[in-house]
């Protein structure tokens, strides 16, 4: 085995981003789309589109 093959067999720790690991994914998606819709409504009300 080469050194690259030996390191590929080990489980390396994943990079942490600081975000939550668990939680309601559905809530996150709903809040994200709500933000998109509110922003779109604001842009159209201001007259930028």
PDB file of N, CA and C in Angstrom:
ATOM      1  N   UNK A   1       0.828  -1.181   0.000  1.00  0.00           N
ATOM      2  CA  UNK A   1       0.000   0.000   0.000  1.00  0.00           C
ATOM      3  C   UNK A   1       0.871   1.243   0.000  1.00  0.00           C
ATOM      4  N   UNK A   2       0.411   2.233  -0.712  1.00  0.00           N
ATOM      5  CA  UNK A   2       1.123   3.500  -0.684  1.00  0.00           C
ATOM      6  C   UNK A   2       0.604   4.337   0.471  1.00  0.00           C
ATOM      7  N   UNK A   3       1.268   5.430   0.742  1.00  0.00           N
ATOM      8  CA  UNK A   3       0.831   6.276   1.854  1.00  0.00           C
ATOM      9  C   UNK A   3      -0.531   6.906   1.570  1.00  0.00           C
ATOM     10  N   UNK A   4      -0.828   7.199   0.306  1.00  0.00           N
ATOM     11  CA  UNK A   4      -2.133   7.765  -0.029  1.00  0.00           C
ATOM     12  C   UNK A   4      -3.242   6.746   0.193  1.00  0.00           C
ATOM     13  N   UNK A   5      -2.996   5.504  -0.148  1.00  0.00           N
ATOM     14  CA  UNK A   5      -4.003   4.468   0.040  1.00  0.00           C
ATOM     15  C   UNK A   5      -4.225   4.207   1.524  1.00  0.00           C
ATOM     16  N   UNK A   6      -3.174   4.332   2.319  1.00  0.00           N
ATOM     17  CA  UNK A   6      -3.313   4.093   3.751  1.00  0.00           C
ATOM     18  C   UNK A   6      -4.143   5.197   4.403  1.00  0.00           C
ATOM     19  N   UNK A   7      -3.964   6.419   3.976  1.00  0.00           N
ATOM     20  CA  UNK A   7      -4.737   7.503   4.576  1.00  0.00           C
ATOM     21  C   UNK A   7      -6.174   7.497   4.081  1.00  0.00           C
ATOM     22  N   UNK A   8      -6.416   6.947   2.896  1.00  0.00           N
ATOM     23  CA  UNK A   8      -7.780   6.903   2.378  1.00  0.00           C
ATOM     24  C   UNK A   8      -8.621   5.903   3.162  1.00  0.00           C
ATOM     25  N   UNK A   9      -7.982   4.888   3.761  1.00  0.00           N
ATOM     26  CA  UNK A   9      -8.719   3.887   4.520  1.00  0.00           C
ATOM     27  C   UNK A   9      -9.176   4.416   5.869  1.00  0.00           C
ATOM     28  N   UNK A  10      -8.477   5.377   6.421  1.00  0.00           N
ATOM     29  CA  UNK A  10      -8.846   5.930   7.724  1.00  0.00           C
ATOM     30  C   UNK A  10      -9.998   6.907   7.572  1.00  0.00           C
ATOM     31  N   UNK A  11     -10.783   7.009   8.613  1.00  0.00           N
ATOM     32  CA  UNK A  11     -11.856   8.007   8.592  1.00  0.00           C
ATOM     33  C   UNK A  11     -11.287   9.305   9.144  1.00  0.00           C
ATOM     34  N   UNK A  12     -11.254  10.300   8.297  1.00  0.00           N
ATOM     35  CA  UNK A  12     -10.718  11.591   8.695  1.00  0.00           C
ATOM     36  C   UNK A  12     -11.859  12.458   9.214  1.00  0.00           C
ATOM     37  N   UNK A  13     -11.586  13.300  10.192  1.00  0.00           N
ATOM     38  CA  UNK A  13     -12.646  14.173  10.706  1.00  0.00           C
ATOM     39  C   UNK A  13     -13.087  15.166   9.639  1.00  0.00           C
ATOM     40  N   UNK A  14     -14.368  15.432   9.603  1.00  0.00           N
ATOM     41  CA  UNK A  14     -14.886  16.382   8.619  1.00  0.00           C
ATOM     42  C   UNK A  14     -14.670  17.806   9.110  1.00  0.00           C
ATOM     43  N   UNK A  15     -14.642  18.717   8.191  1.00  0.00           N
ATOM     44  CA  UNK A  15     -14.438  20.128   8.524  1.00  0.00           C
ATOM     45  C   UNK A  15     -15.714  20.695   9.122  1.00  0.00           C
ATOM     46  N   UNK A  16     -15.571  21.377  10.227  1.00  0.00           N
ATOM     47  CA  UNK A  16     -16.723  21.980  10.894  1.00  0.00           C
ATOM     48  C   UNK A  16     -16.919  23.387  10.366  1.00  0.00           C
ATOM     49  N   UNK A  17     -18.156  23.747  10.086  1.00  0.00           N
ATOM     50  CA  UNK A  17     -18.448  25.078   9.568  1.00  0.00           C
ATOM     51  C   UNK A  17     -19.052  25.986  10.626  1.00  0.00           C
ATOM     52  N   UNK A  18     -19.402  25.444  11.759  1.00  0.00           N
ATOM     53  CA  UNK A  18     -19.978  26.247  12.814  1.00  0.00           C
ATOM     54  C   UNK A  18     -21.489  26.274  12.796  1.00  0.00           C
ATOM     55  N   UNK A  19     -22.105  25.693  11.781  1.00  0.00           N
ATOM     56  CA  UNK A  19     -23.557  25.660  11.694  1.00  0.00           C
ATOM     57  C   UNK A  19     -24.132  24.536  12.532  1.00  0.00           C
ATOM     58  N   UNK A  20     -25.449  24.537  12.703  1.00  0.00           N
ATOM     59  CA  UNK A  20     -26.070  23.480  13.488  1.00  0.00           C
ATOM     60  C   UNK A  20     -26.010  22.143  12.756  1.00  0.00           C
ATOM     61  N   UNK A  21     -25.764  21.076  13.499  1.00  0.00           N
ATOM     62  CA  UNK A  21     -25.681  19.748  12.903  1.00  0.00           C
ATOM     63  C   UNK A  21     -27.057  19.125  12.735  1.00  0.00           C
ATOM     64  N   UNK A  22     -27.897  19.338  13.695  1.00  0.00           N
ATOM     65  CA  UNK A  22     -29.210  18.737  13.630  1.00  0.00           C
ATOM     66  C   UNK A  22     -30.253  19.823  13.815  1.00  0.00           C
ATOM     67  N   UNK A  23     -31.456  19.502  13.532  1.00  0.00           N
ATOM     68  CA  UNK A  23     -32.517  20.472  13.672  1.00  0.00           C
ATOM     69  C   UNK A  23     -33.540  20.296  12.572  1.00  0.00           C
ATOM     70  N   UNK A  24     -34.564  21.095  12.645  1.00  0.00           N
ATOM     71  CA  UNK A  24     -35.640  20.963  11.662  1.00  0.00           C
ATOM     72  C   UNK A  24     -35.230  21.523  10.299  1.00  0.00           C
ATOM     73  N   UNK A  25     -34.867  20.632   9.370  1.00  0.00           N
ATOM     74  CA  UNK A  25     -34.481  21.074   8.030  1.00  0.00           C
ATOM     75  C   UNK A  25     -35.665  21.706   7.303  1.00  0.00           C
ATOM     76  N   UNK A  26     -36.869  21.215   7.569  1.00  0.00           N
ATOM     77  CA  UNK A  26     -38.048  21.766   6.909  1.00  0.00           C
ATOM     78  C   UNK A  26     -38.242  23.221   7.326  1.00  0.00           C
ATOM     79  N   UNK A  27     -38.061  23.506   8.597  1.00  0.00           N
ATOM     80  CA  UNK A  27     -38.203  24.881   9.085  1.00  0.00           C
ATOM     81  C   UNK A  27     -37.182  25.797   8.419  1.00  0.00           C
ATOM     82  N   UNK A  28     -35.975  25.310   8.250  1.00  0.00           N
ATOM     83  CA  UNK A  28     -34.933  26.107   7.615  1.00  0.00           C
ATOM     84  C   UNK A  28     -35.304  26.419   6.164  1.00  0.00           C
ATOM     85  N   UNK A  29     -35.837  25.452   5.446  1.00  0.00           N
ATOM     86  CA  UNK A  29     -36.235  25.671   4.065  1.00  0.00           C
ATOM     87  C   UNK A  29     -37.418  26.641   3.978  1.00  0.00           C
ATOM     88  N   UNK A  30     -38.380  26.486   4.866  1.00  0.00           N
ATOM     89  CA  UNK A  30     -39.548  27.367   4.858  1.00  0.00           C
ATOM     90  C   UNK A  30     -39.131  28.801   5.154  1.00  0.00           C
ATOM     91  N   UNK A  31     -38.268  28.985   6.137  1.00  0.00           N
ATOM     92  CA  UNK A  31     -37.810  30.341   6.453  1.00  0.00           C
ATOM     93  C   UNK A  31     -36.979  30.930   5.318  1.00  0.00           C
ATOM     94  N   UNK A  32     -36.200  30.113   4.664  1.00  0.00           N
ATOM     95  CA  UNK A  32     -35.411  30.593   3.536  1.00  0.00           C
ATOM     96  C   UNK A  32     -36.277  31.052   2.377  1.00  0.00           C
ATOM     97  N   UNK A  33     -37.285  30.246   2.035  1.00  0.00           N
ATOM     98  CA  UNK A  33     -38.177  30.630   0.946  1.00  0.00           C
ATOM     99  C   UNK A  33     -39.040  31.820   1.334  1.00  0.00           C
ATOM    100  N   UNK A  34     -39.404  31.916   2.603  1.00  0.00           N
ATOM    101  CA  UNK A  34     -40.157  33.081   3.055  1.00  0.00           C
ATOM    102  C   UNK A  34     -39.329  34.348   2.874  1.00  0.00           C
ATOM    103  N   UNK A  35     -38.054  34.274   3.201  1.00  0.00           N
ATOM    104  CA  UNK A  35     -37.168  35.416   2.998  1.00  0.00           C
ATOM    105  C   UNK A  35     -37.076  35.784   1.524  1.00  0.00           C
ATOM    106  N   UNK A  36     -37.008  34.802   0.658  1.00  0.00           N
ATOM    107  CA  UNK A  36     -36.938  35.068  -0.784  1.00  0.00           C
ATOM    108  C   UNK A  36     -38.205  35.761  -1.261  1.00  0.00           C
ATOM    109  N   UNK A  37     -39.361  35.290  -0.819  1.00  0.00           N
ATOM    110  CA  UNK A  37     -40.632  35.876  -1.248  1.00  0.00           C
ATOM    111  C   UNK A  37     -40.775  37.300  -0.725  1.00  0.00           C
ATOM    112  N   UNK A  38     -40.426  37.518   0.534  1.00  0.00           N
ATOM    113  CA  UNK A  38     -40.524  38.864   1.112  1.00  0.00           C
ATOM    114  C   UNK A  38     -39.576  39.823   0.390  1.00  0.00           C
ATOM    115  N   UNK A  39     -38.392  39.366   0.095  1.00  0.00           N
ATOM    116  CA  UNK A  39     -37.439  40.210  -0.631  1.00  0.00           C
ATOM    117  C   UNK A  39     -37.951  40.528  -2.036  1.00  0.00           C
ATOM    118  N   UNK A  40     -38.548  39.552  -2.701  1.00  0.00           N
ATOM    119  CA  UNK A  40     -39.108  39.794  -4.041  1.00  0.00           C
ATOM    120  C   UNK A  40     -40.259  40.789  -3.974  1.00  0.00           C
ATOM    121  N   UNK A  41     -41.110  40.662  -2.949  1.00  0.00           N
ATOM    122  CA  UNK A  41     -42.216  41.604  -2.805  1.00  0.00           C
ATOM    123  C   UNK A  41     -41.703  43.012  -2.536  1.00  0.00           C
ATOM    124  N   UNK A  42     -40.668  43.134  -1.720  1.00  0.00           N
ATOM    125  CA  UNK A  42     -40.087  44.435  -1.420  1.00  0.00           C
ATOM    126  C   UNK A  42     -39.494  45.081  -2.662  1.00  0.00           C
ATOM    127  N   UNK A  43     -38.794  44.283  -3.454  1.00  0.00           N
ATOM    128  CA  UNK A  43     -38.167  44.817  -4.677  1.00  0.00           C
ATOM    129  C   UNK A  43     -39.235  45.299  -5.654  1.00  0.00           C
ATOM    130  N   UNK A  44     -40.328  44.543  -5.784  1.00  0.00           N
ATOM    131  CA  UNK A  44     -41.367  44.967  -6.727  1.00  0.00           C
ATOM    132  C   UNK A  44     -42.135  46.170  -6.193  1.00  0.00           C
ATOM    133  N   UNK A  45     -42.322  46.284  -4.894  1.00  0.00           N
ATOM    134  CA  UNK A  45     -43.026  47.434  -4.337  1.00  0.00           C
ATOM    135  C   UNK A  45     -42.209  48.711  -4.464  1.00  0.00           C
ATOM    136  N   UNK A  46     -40.897  48.588  -4.341  1.00  0.00           N
ATOM    137  CA  UNK A  46     -40.033  49.759  -4.463  1.00  0.00           C
ATOM    138  C   UNK A  46     -39.950  50.194  -5.924  1.00  0.00           C
ATOM    139  N   UNK A  47     -40.162  49.267  -6.841  1.00  0.00           N
ATOM    140  CA  UNK A  47     -40.144  49.585  -8.263  1.00  0.00           C
ATOM    141  C   UNK A  47     -38.820  49.317  -8.933  1.00  0.00           C
ATOM    142  N   UNK A  48     -38.022  48.461  -8.360  1.00  0.00           N
ATOM    143  CA  UNK A  48     -36.736  48.150  -8.969  1.00  0.00           C
ATOM    144  C   UNK A  48     -36.868  47.172 -10.130  1.00  0.00           C
ATOM    145  N   UNK A  49     -38.026  46.534 -10.232  1.00  0.00           N
ATOM    146  CA  UNK A  49     -38.267  45.615 -11.362  1.00  0.00           C
ATOM    147  C   UNK A  49     -39.446  46.138 -12.148  1.00  0.00           C
TER     148      UNK A  49
END
